[in-house]
Amino acid sequence: MAYALTLTANYAVYTFNSMLPTDIAAVRCACGLTQAALGQTLNVHVLTVSKWARGALVPDARDVAILVGLTKLDYAAAKAVGEAVKTALATEGSLAAYRLLLDAAIPKGAV
């Protein structure tokens, strides 16, 4: 994974060069999410997630920011986020699931 974190004043600025396909698959699997669930949560087609995992497409900066943030979670936290996202998708919809991913990936006060 190629990224850098720069802290300026009260803001954390992430600079992303790329995210390896294996990193994307690892984050998804660590959270226990299928490609379909991750795609639905990030509002992208399941085939887009599949192409990310194969290196045929590169996620946009918004999606990379979330995925990189999720790499910072330990195993238990990643599983808990994944379960919460799956529950939110089933009961509240993709917007609630997206909010859960966003909150887990970018801690309050980081930006």
Protein backbone atom coordinates (compact mmCIF):
# COMPACT_ATOMS: atom_id res chain seq x y z
CA MET A 1 0.00 0.00 0.00
CA ALA A 2 1.44 3.34 -0.98
CA TYR A 3 0.13 6.29 0.96
CA ALA A 4 1.40 8.99 3.25
CA LEU A 5 -0.15 10.82 6.17
CA THR A 6 0.67 14.46 6.68
CA LEU A 7 -0.56 16.33 9.73
CA THR A 8 -1.17 20.03 9.24
CA ALA A 9 -2.68 22.13 12.03
CA ASN A 10 -5.83 20.22 13.04
CA TYR A 11 -6.17 18.28 9.82
CA ALA A 12 -4.88 14.92 8.67
CA VAL A 13 -4.20 14.91 4.96
CA TYR A 14 -3.83 11.56 3.24
CA THR A 15 -1.94 11.39 -0.03
CA PHE A 16 -2.66 8.24 -1.98
CA ASN A 17 -0.46 6.96 -4.74
CA SER A 18 -2.24 3.65 -5.05
CA MET A 19 -3.68 0.78 -3.10
CA LEU A 20 -2.70 -2.72 -4.08
CA PRO A 21 -5.48 -5.09 -5.16
CA THR A 22 -4.39 -7.55 -2.46
CA ASP A 23 -4.83 -4.81 0.16
CA ILE A 24 -8.37 -4.19 -1.01
CA ALA A 25 -9.25 -7.87 -0.83
CA ALA A 26 -7.56 -8.18 2.58
CA VAL A 27 -9.55 -5.28 4.04
CA ARG A 28 -12.81 -6.69 2.67
CA CYS A 29 -12.07 -10.15 4.04
CA ALA A 30 -10.90 -8.82 7.42
CA CYS A 31 -14.28 -7.12 7.80
CA GLY A 32 -16.05 -10.28 6.66
CA LEU A 33 -17.76 -8.50 3.78
CA THR A 34 -18.56 -9.95 0.39
CA GLN A 35 -17.72 -7.99 -2.73
CA ALA A 36 -21.44 -7.32 -3.10
CA ALA A 37 -21.79 -5.96 0.46
CA LEU A 38 -18.74 -3.72 0.11
CA GLY A 39 -19.97 -2.48 -3.26
CA GLN A 40 -23.44 -1.75 -1.94
CA THR A 41 -22.00 0.10 1.04
CA LEU A 42 -19.63 2.21 -1.08
CA ASN A 43 -22.32 2.72 -3.74
CA VAL A 44 -20.37 0.97 -6.48
CA HIS A 45 -21.28 -2.09 -8.53
CA VAL A 46 -20.07 -5.49 -7.35
CA LEU A 47 -18.11 -5.82 -10.60
CA THR A 48 -16.27 -2.62 -9.72
CA VAL A 49 -15.14 -4.17 -6.43
CA SER A 50 -14.12 -7.30 -8.33
CA LYS A 51 -12.07 -5.20 -10.75
CA TRP A 52 -10.38 -3.42 -7.83
CA ALA A 53 -9.40 -6.81 -6.41
CA ARG A 54 -7.95 -7.88 -9.76
CA GLY A 55 -6.17 -4.60 -10.40
CA ALA A 56 -8.26 -3.82 -13.47
CA LEU A 57 -9.61 -0.61 -11.88
CA VAL A 58 -8.34 1.71 -9.16
CA PRO A 59 -10.77 3.01 -6.52
CA ASP A 60 -11.32 6.74 -6.37
CA ALA A 61 -9.81 8.81 -3.55
CA ARG A 62 -12.95 8.66 -1.41
CA ASP A 63 -13.05 4.87 -1.48
CA VAL A 64 -9.30 4.54 -0.98
CA ALA A 65 -9.50 6.83 2.07
CA ILE A 66 -12.10 4.56 3.64
CA LEU A 67 -10.25 1.35 2.72
CA VAL A 68 -6.93 2.67 4.05
CA GLY A 69 -8.62 3.72 7.28
CA LEU A 70 -10.02 0.24 7.69
CA THR A 71 -6.52 -1.24 7.43
CA LYS A 72 -5.75 0.47 10.75
CA LEU A 73 -8.34 -1.62 12.61
CA ASP A 74 -7.33 -4.67 14.58
CA TYR A 75 -8.95 -8.02 13.81
CA ALA A 76 -11.75 -7.76 16.38
CA ALA A 77 -12.64 -4.20 15.41
CA ALA A 78 -12.67 -5.07 11.71
CA LYS A 79 -15.00 -8.02 12.34
CA ALA A 80 -17.27 -5.84 14.51
CA VAL A 81 -17.45 -3.18 11.80
CA GLY A 82 -18.22 -5.84 9.19
CA GLU A 83 -21.03 -7.30 11.27
CA ALA A 84 -22.48 -3.84 11.95
CA VAL A 85 -22.33 -3.01 8.23
CA LYS A 86 -24.09 -6.26 7.29
CA THR A 87 -26.80 -5.58 9.87
CA ALA A 88 -27.22 -2.00 8.67
CA LEU A 89 -27.49 -3.14 5.04
CA ALA A 90 -30.22 -5.59 6.00
CA THR A 91 -32.19 -3.26 8.25
CA GLU A 92 -31.40 0.40 7.55
CA GLY A 93 -29.89 0.52 4.06
CA SER A 94 -26.64 1.42 2.38
CA LEU A 95 -26.43 4.99 3.71
CA ALA A 96 -26.37 3.77 7.32
CA ALA A 97 -23.82 1.11 6.37
CA TYR A 98 -21.65 3.72 4.63
CA ARG A 99 -21.75 5.91 7.74
CA LEU A 100 -20.53 2.98 9.86
CA LEU A 101 -17.61 2.34 7.49
CA LEU A 102 -16.76 6.03 7.41
CA ASP A 103 -16.83 6.36 11.20
CA ALA A 104 -14.62 3.30 11.61
CA ALA A 105 -12.17 4.32 8.91
CA ILE A 106 -11.70 7.97 9.83
CA PRO A 107 -11.76 8.52 13.58
CA LYS A 108 -13.41 11.62 14.93
CA GLY A 109 -10.91 14.46 15.24
CA ALA A 110 -8.66 13.06 12.49
CA VAL A 111 -9.95 15.55 9.96
